[in-house]
Protein backbone atom coordinates (compact mmCIF):
# COMPACT_ATOMS: atom_id res chain seq x y z
CA MET A 1 155.52 91.40 79.85
CA THR A 2 153.30 89.76 77.23
CA LEU A 3 149.59 89.05 77.06
CA GLU A 4 148.28 85.51 76.44
CA PRO A 5 144.64 84.72 75.64
CA ILE A 6 143.20 82.42 78.31
CA GLY A 7 139.57 82.25 77.26
CA HIS A 8 136.54 84.21 76.31
CA ALA A 9 134.42 86.39 78.56
CA GLY A 10 131.02 84.82 78.85
CA ASP A 11 131.95 81.22 77.85
CA GLY A 12 132.72 80.06 81.36
CA SER A 13 136.47 79.64 80.70
CA VAL A 14 137.44 82.48 83.03
CA SER A 15 136.13 82.51 86.57
CA GLY A 16 136.77 83.92 90.01
CA GLU A 17 135.15 86.04 92.63
CA ARG A 18 136.04 89.58 93.61
CA ASP A 19 137.20 90.01 97.20
CA TRP A 20 136.57 93.45 98.74
CA GLY A 21 138.50 92.75 101.91
CA ALA A 22 136.65 92.72 105.18
CA ARG A 23 133.38 93.88 103.63
CA PRO A 24 130.65 91.26 104.06
CA VAL A 25 128.47 90.51 101.10
CA GLY A 26 124.84 91.10 101.96
CA PRO A 27 121.56 90.01 100.38
CA GLY A 28 121.03 89.98 96.69
CA TRP A 29 118.44 91.41 94.41
CA GLY A 30 115.54 93.17 96.08
CA PRO A 31 111.88 92.54 95.08
CA GLU A 32 111.01 96.23 94.94
CA LEU A 33 113.02 96.99 91.78
CA ILE A 34 111.03 98.40 88.84
CA ALA A 35 111.88 99.50 85.31
CA GLU A 36 111.13 99.97 81.61
CA LYS A 37 112.02 97.73 78.67
CA ILE A 38 115.11 98.54 76.54
CA ARG A 39 116.05 96.58 73.43
CA ALA A 40 119.50 95.92 71.91
CA PRO A 41 121.35 93.26 69.92
CA SER A 42 123.32 90.44 71.51
CA SER A 43 126.96 91.00 72.31
CA PRO A 44 129.98 89.25 70.73
CA GLN A 45 132.40 87.29 72.82
CA GLU A 46 135.65 89.03 73.67
CA THR A 47 139.07 87.53 74.36
CA VAL A 48 140.42 87.73 77.92
CA PHE A 49 144.20 88.06 78.48
CA ARG A 50 146.56 87.22 81.31
CA CYS A 51 150.02 88.63 82.06
CA VAL A 52 153.27 86.69 81.45
CA GLU A 53 156.66 88.16 82.40
CA PRO A 54 159.09 88.22 79.44
CA ALA A 55 162.60 86.91 79.40
CA ARG A 56 165.17 89.48 80.58
CA ARG A 57 166.17 91.88 77.80
CA GLU A 58 167.00 95.52 77.22
CA GLY A 59 163.67 96.52 75.63
CA ARG A 60 160.06 95.42 75.41
CA PRO A 61 158.99 93.45 72.31
CA GLY A 62 157.16 95.56 69.77
CA ALA A 63 154.26 93.09 69.51
CA MET A 64 153.26 93.95 73.06
CA VAL A 65 151.96 97.36 72.04
CA GLN A 66 149.62 95.91 69.45
CA ALA A 67 148.31 93.29 71.88
CA MET A 68 147.67 95.81 74.61
CA ARG A 69 145.58 97.94 72.27
CA LEU A 70 143.04 95.13 72.18
CA VAL A 71 142.36 95.47 75.90
CA SER A 72 140.14 98.17 77.38
CA LEU A 73 141.83 100.95 79.32
CA ALA A 74 140.33 99.82 82.61
CA ALA A 75 141.44 96.20 82.21
CA LEU A 76 144.84 97.28 80.85
CA VAL A 77 145.93 99.32 83.83
CA LEU A 78 144.89 96.53 86.15
CA LEU A 79 146.88 93.94 84.16
CA VAL A 80 149.98 96.12 84.18
CA ALA A 81 149.69 96.66 87.91
CA ALA A 82 149.29 92.93 88.55
CA CYS A 83 152.30 91.99 86.44
CA ILE A 84 154.58 94.58 88.05
CA SER A 85 153.49 93.52 91.50
CA ALA A 86 154.12 89.86 90.66
CA GLY A 87 157.61 90.68 89.35
CA GLY A 88 158.59 92.72 92.40
CA ASN A 89 159.60 95.73 90.28
CA ALA A 90 157.40 98.38 91.88
CA SER A 91 157.55 99.74 95.41
CA GLU A 92 155.49 102.91 95.16
CA SER A 93 151.72 103.02 95.61
CA PRO A 94 149.44 104.40 92.86
CA SER A 95 148.75 108.12 92.63
CA PRO A 96 145.33 109.17 93.93
CA SER A 97 143.44 109.94 90.74
CA GLY A 98 145.28 108.96 87.67
CA GLY A 99 148.92 109.18 86.96
CA GLY A 100 150.29 106.22 88.85
CA ILE A 101 150.69 102.70 87.57
CA GLY A 102 147.65 100.65 88.49
CA ALA A 103 145.40 103.64 89.19
CA ILE A 104 142.11 103.99 87.34
CA GLU A 105 141.86 107.63 86.37
CA HIS A 106 138.78 109.51 87.55
CA ALA A 107 137.42 112.95 88.35
CA THR A 108 137.72 113.98 92.00
CA GLY A 109 134.81 116.39 92.55
CA SER A 110 132.15 115.87 95.21
CA THR A 111 129.42 115.88 92.53
CA ASP A 112 131.32 113.86 89.88
CA VAL A 113 129.52 110.51 89.46
CA LEU A 114 132.07 107.72 88.91
CA LEU A 115 129.75 104.74 89.35
CA ARG A 116 125.98 104.57 89.75
CA PHE A 117 123.47 101.74 89.92
CA GLU A 118 119.74 102.36 89.64
CA VAL A 119 116.54 100.58 88.70
CA GLY A 120 113.42 102.30 87.38
CA GLY A 121 110.37 102.32 85.16
CA GLY A 122 108.24 99.30 84.34
CA PHE A 123 104.57 98.62 84.98
CA VAL A 124 104.13 100.36 88.35
CA ALA A 125 101.94 102.97 90.02
CA PRO A 126 102.88 106.66 89.58
CA GLY A 127 103.60 106.95 93.29
CA PHE A 128 106.52 104.53 92.94
CA LEU A 129 107.87 106.36 89.90
CA ALA A 130 107.76 109.63 91.84
CA THR A 131 110.22 108.46 94.49
CA GLU A 132 112.62 106.35 92.40
CA ALA A 133 116.25 107.12 93.23
CA PRO A 134 119.65 105.56 92.46
CA ILE A 135 120.50 102.65 94.74
CA PHE A 136 124.26 103.24 94.76
CA THR A 137 126.37 106.26 93.76
CA LEU A 138 130.14 106.68 94.08
CA TYR A 139 131.42 110.25 93.73
CA GLY A 140 134.89 111.47 92.79
CA ASP A 141 135.83 112.50 96.32
CA GLY A 142 135.18 108.97 97.64
CA THR A 143 131.67 109.60 98.95
CA VAL A 144 129.23 106.71 98.55
CA ILE A 145 125.47 107.17 98.98
CA VAL A 146 123.59 103.86 99.04
CA ARG A 147 120.20 102.40 99.97
CA ASN A 148 119.50 98.66 99.96
CA PRO A 149 116.04 98.04 98.44
CA ALA A 150 115.91 94.57 99.98
CA GLN A 151 115.72 95.96 103.51
CA ASP A 152 112.36 96.65 105.14
CA PRO A 153 111.14 100.27 105.14
CA PRO A 154 110.20 102.11 108.36
CA PRO A 155 106.67 101.62 109.72
CA SER A 156 103.84 103.57 108.09
CA VAL A 157 102.69 106.88 109.54
CA GLY A 158 98.93 106.67 109.05
CA SER A 159 98.42 106.41 105.29
CA VAL A 160 101.95 107.70 104.57
CA SER A 161 104.68 105.21 103.66
CA PRO A 162 108.16 106.44 104.65
CA LEU A 163 111.17 105.10 102.74
CA ARG A 164 114.39 103.84 104.28
CA PRO A 165 117.04 106.61 104.50
CA PHE A 166 120.18 106.48 102.38
CA ARG A 167 123.49 105.75 104.08
CA ILE A 168 126.67 107.69 103.41
CA VAL A 169 130.18 106.17 103.40
CA ARG A 170 133.57 107.89 102.95
CA LEU A 171 136.22 105.90 101.04
CA ASN A 172 139.90 106.63 100.72
CA GLU A 173 141.57 106.38 97.31
CA GLU A 174 142.65 102.76 97.74
CA GLN A 175 139.12 101.70 98.65
CA LEU A 176 137.68 103.75 95.79
CA GLN A 177 140.03 102.04 93.33
CA LYS A 178 138.89 98.60 94.51
CA VAL A 179 135.25 99.50 93.88
CA LEU A 180 136.00 100.76 90.37
CA GLU A 181 138.15 97.71 89.60
CA ASP A 182 135.39 95.38 90.74
CA ALA A 183 132.78 97.14 88.60
CA LEU A 184 134.89 97.44 85.45
CA VAL A 185 136.55 94.01 85.49
CA GLN A 186 134.74 91.48 87.66
CA GLY A 187 131.37 93.16 87.13
CA GLY A 188 131.92 93.32 83.38
CA LEU A 189 131.13 97.01 82.83
CA GLY A 190 134.47 97.76 81.16
CA GLN A 191 133.63 95.54 78.16
CA ALA A 192 129.83 95.74 78.33
CA ARG A 193 127.51 96.95 75.58
CA THR A 194 125.09 99.75 76.36
CA ASP A 195 121.88 97.67 76.01
CA TYR A 196 120.91 94.12 77.03
CA PRO A 197 117.30 93.32 76.05
CA ASP A 198 115.16 90.23 76.59
CA ASN A 199 112.11 89.91 74.35
CA GLN A 200 110.79 86.94 76.34
CA ILE A 201 109.76 89.07 79.32
CA ALA A 202 107.20 91.88 79.54
CA ASP A 203 106.72 94.74 82.03
CA ALA A 204 109.93 93.97 83.93
CA PRO A 205 112.42 96.40 85.49
CA THR A 206 115.56 97.69 83.82
CA ALA A 207 118.80 97.99 85.76
CA VAL A 208 121.13 100.80 84.70
CA PHE A 209 124.83 101.11 85.53
CA THR A 210 126.56 104.43 84.85
CA VAL A 211 130.36 104.53 84.81
CA ASN A 212 132.74 107.47 84.28
CA ALA A 213 136.27 106.28 85.07
CA GLY A 214 139.37 104.87 83.40
CA GLY A 215 138.56 106.59 80.11
CA ILE A 216 135.14 104.89 80.00
CA ALA A 217 131.94 106.94 80.02
CA LYS A 218 128.73 105.00 79.37
CA ARG A 219 125.37 103.78 80.66
CA VAL A 220 124.73 100.04 80.57
CA SER A 221 121.02 99.10 80.62
CA ILE A 222 119.97 95.50 81.38
CA TYR A 223 116.29 94.70 80.98
CA ALA A 224 114.81 92.20 83.45
CA LEU A 225 118.08 91.73 85.35
CA GLY A 226 117.69 88.98 87.92
CA ILE A 227 114.75 87.33 86.11
CA ASP A 228 116.09 84.10 84.63
CA VAL A 229 114.36 82.29 81.76
CA ALA A 230 115.41 79.50 79.43
CA ASN A 231 117.64 80.46 76.50
CA GLN A 232 118.11 83.95 77.87
CA PRO A 233 120.51 86.05 75.77
CA ASP A 234 123.84 87.12 77.29
CA ALA A 235 123.37 84.75 80.22
CA GLN A 236 126.98 84.91 81.46
CA ALA A 237 127.13 88.69 81.28
CA ARG A 238 123.83 88.90 83.15
CA VAL A 239 125.23 86.77 85.97
CA ALA A 240 128.17 89.19 86.35
CA PHE A 241 125.83 92.21 86.30
CA ALA A 242 123.46 90.67 88.86
CA ASP A 243 126.33 89.79 91.19
CA LEU A 244 127.69 93.33 90.90
CA ALA A 245 124.23 94.77 91.62
CA ALA A 246 123.96 92.65 94.78
CA ARG A 247 127.37 93.81 95.99
CA LEU A 248 126.51 97.46 95.42
CA GLU A 249 123.10 97.13 97.10
CA ALA A 250 124.66 95.62 100.23
CA PHE A 251 127.74 97.88 100.18
CA ASP A 252 128.95 98.74 103.70
CA GLY A 253 132.18 100.53 102.91
CA GLY A 254 134.67 97.68 102.83
CA GLY A 255 136.66 99.31 105.66
CA GLY A 256 135.74 102.92 104.87
CA ASP A 257 134.73 105.46 107.49
CA ALA A 258 131.72 104.57 109.61
CA THR A 259 128.45 104.84 107.75
CA GLY A 260 125.76 107.27 108.80
CA MET A 261 122.39 108.46 107.59
CA TYR A 262 122.41 110.72 104.56
CA SER A 263 120.55 113.92 105.52
CA PRO A 264 120.42 116.30 102.54
CA ASP A 265 119.48 119.97 102.74
CA ARG A 266 117.28 119.73 99.62
CA TYR A 267 114.41 117.46 98.65
CA ARG A 268 112.19 116.96 95.63
CA GLY A 269 108.50 117.42 96.38
CA ILE A 270 106.14 115.78 93.83
CA LEU A 271 102.50 116.83 93.60
CA GLN A 272 99.88 114.84 91.69
CA GLU A 273 96.10 114.74 91.63
CA GLY A 274 94.72 112.76 94.56
CA GLN A 275 91.41 111.15 95.45
CA ALA A 276 88.83 112.79 97.67
CA GLY A 277 87.68 110.93 100.74
CA GLY A 278 91.01 109.36 101.60
CA PRO A 279 92.21 108.98 105.20
CA ASP A 280 94.59 111.34 106.98
CA VAL A 281 94.06 114.30 104.65
CA LYS A 282 96.15 117.28 105.77
CA ALA A 283 95.58 120.96 105.19
CA TRP A 284 97.93 122.77 102.80
CA PRO A 285 100.89 123.69 105.06
CA TRP A 286 102.65 126.44 103.06
CA ILE A 287 101.70 130.10 102.81
CA THR A 288 104.13 131.10 100.03
CA VAL A 289 103.87 127.89 97.95
CA SER A 290 100.85 127.04 95.78
CA PRO A 291 100.00 123.94 93.72
CA GLY A 292 100.96 125.88 90.60
CA ASP A 293 104.56 126.09 91.84
CA PHE A 294 104.95 122.36 91.22
CA VAL A 295 105.90 122.06 87.53
CA PRO A 296 107.60 119.46 85.29
CA ALA A 297 111.24 120.07 84.43
CA SER A 298 111.85 121.83 81.12
CA ASP A 299 114.47 119.24 80.16
CA PRO A 300 112.66 116.41 78.29
CA ASN A 301 115.17 113.91 79.68
CA ALA A 302 114.67 115.02 83.28
CA PHE A 303 112.02 114.07 85.84
CA ARG A 304 108.66 114.93 84.25
CA LEU A 305 106.10 114.86 87.07
CA PRO A 306 105.10 118.23 88.63
CA SER A 307 107.72 118.93 91.28
CA ARG A 308 109.78 121.59 93.05
CA VAL A 309 112.90 121.74 95.19
CA MET A 310 112.07 121.97 98.89
CA SER A 311 114.13 122.99 101.89
CA VAL A 312 114.27 121.03 105.14
CA GLY A 313 112.04 123.66 106.76
CA ALA A 314 109.38 123.29 104.07
CA VAL A 315 109.46 119.50 104.48
CA GLU A 316 109.19 119.66 108.26
CA ALA A 317 106.09 121.85 107.92
CA LEU A 318 104.29 118.71 106.70
CA GLY A 319 104.61 117.09 110.12
CA ILE A 320 105.73 113.69 108.77
CA ASN A 321 108.56 111.92 110.55
CA PRO A 322 110.76 110.19 109.55
CA TYR A 323 111.15 111.98 106.24
CA GLN A 324 114.92 111.74 105.51
CA GLY A 325 114.51 108.83 103.08
CA GLY A 326 111.41 110.33 101.46
CA PHE A 327 107.84 109.04 101.55
CA GLN A 328 104.70 108.35 99.50
CA GLY A 329 100.97 108.69 99.99
CA LEU A 330 100.45 112.02 101.79
CA SER A 331 97.08 113.62 100.92
CA LEU A 332 96.89 117.43 100.97
CA VAL A 333 93.90 119.71 100.47
CA GLY A 334 94.79 122.57 98.15
CA PRO A 335 94.44 126.15 99.40
CA GLY A 336 91.15 127.83 98.54
CA ASP A 337 89.61 125.28 96.13
CA GLY A 338 89.54 122.19 98.38
CA LYS A 339 91.09 120.02 95.67
CA VAL A 340 92.88 116.91 96.98
CA TYR A 341 96.48 116.25 95.97
CA SER A 342 98.84 113.34 96.53
CA PHE A 343 102.28 114.46 97.73
CA SER A 344 105.50 112.43 97.59
CA LEU A 345 108.99 113.31 98.79
CA ARG A 346 112.41 112.18 97.62
CA PRO A 347 115.87 113.30 98.86
CA LEU A 348 118.09 114.95 96.25
CA LEU A 349 121.61 113.56 95.78
CA PRO A 350 124.68 115.84 95.58
CA ASP A 351 124.77 115.85 91.75
CA GLU A 352 121.02 116.53 91.33
CA SER A 353 119.69 120.06 90.88
CA ARG A 354 115.94 119.24 91.15
């Protein structure tokens, strides 16, 4: 097998759409996405290779090794798998997590994040920042937790705005491999830089992809993804990222086990100063919890608003339903002093401690 250059990623000479089987592709980018600006230089073009079976011989040509070193690990294993399949020389399926030909190696733990897509920051109210959460997360055991921001939220409960619950999907190893392949190759994350800025746009959201698979561990941040302007840098790469984001937002399992509502046993409660005189103000519901128990995380890179981990029982004491997807806008009167607070709730994901 040899590798021939067939074009350059980003110049339009290589095209094609990723097929995830029976999974329908849903709506694209949602209007609710918010973020902060991140700057970075433009990316160079990179050569794309295709597989060509060699003439029959006893050994492989030595030049193949040097050529294959130019290809990322994720793309390499996929190219090898495709060539072997085309030549009819392999009959065994890939091993579950990394030893077999064609398999993208990955951790297998239930809290190991393999692929994550999230949007956050930007010029928005603190209440929105308080409940930001990843849109899509794929874990090592095949669990997917996803929420489509383009879908309508549940109806308001007085002045409280509930958020749509997350869905949970269970993938087998074959389905998991297809998702990783799509993200690394068709979605462009395997060869992507870490930062994609756009100085022409202000106060726009930043999309962030996190990948930990196939020997690749990085976060790819794209400022103002989905906002198209003339002479935008990295236009072709942005198209691939936006298409990937839309597929992950609308992800329905692609044949995985039936989806259901994600109902965690832990939530993040966020307490901020509120405004007196608002509607639907509730009395402080907890005897053993005070406003001083809501504190920022000590980690400077972690969530910085005053918060605490809350059990399902503590959440249900608030009397807000539905609450599984979180909510915003609940006004509470503090115990003793009559001070008004604004309370928000957000479900914690399996890899999150607070």
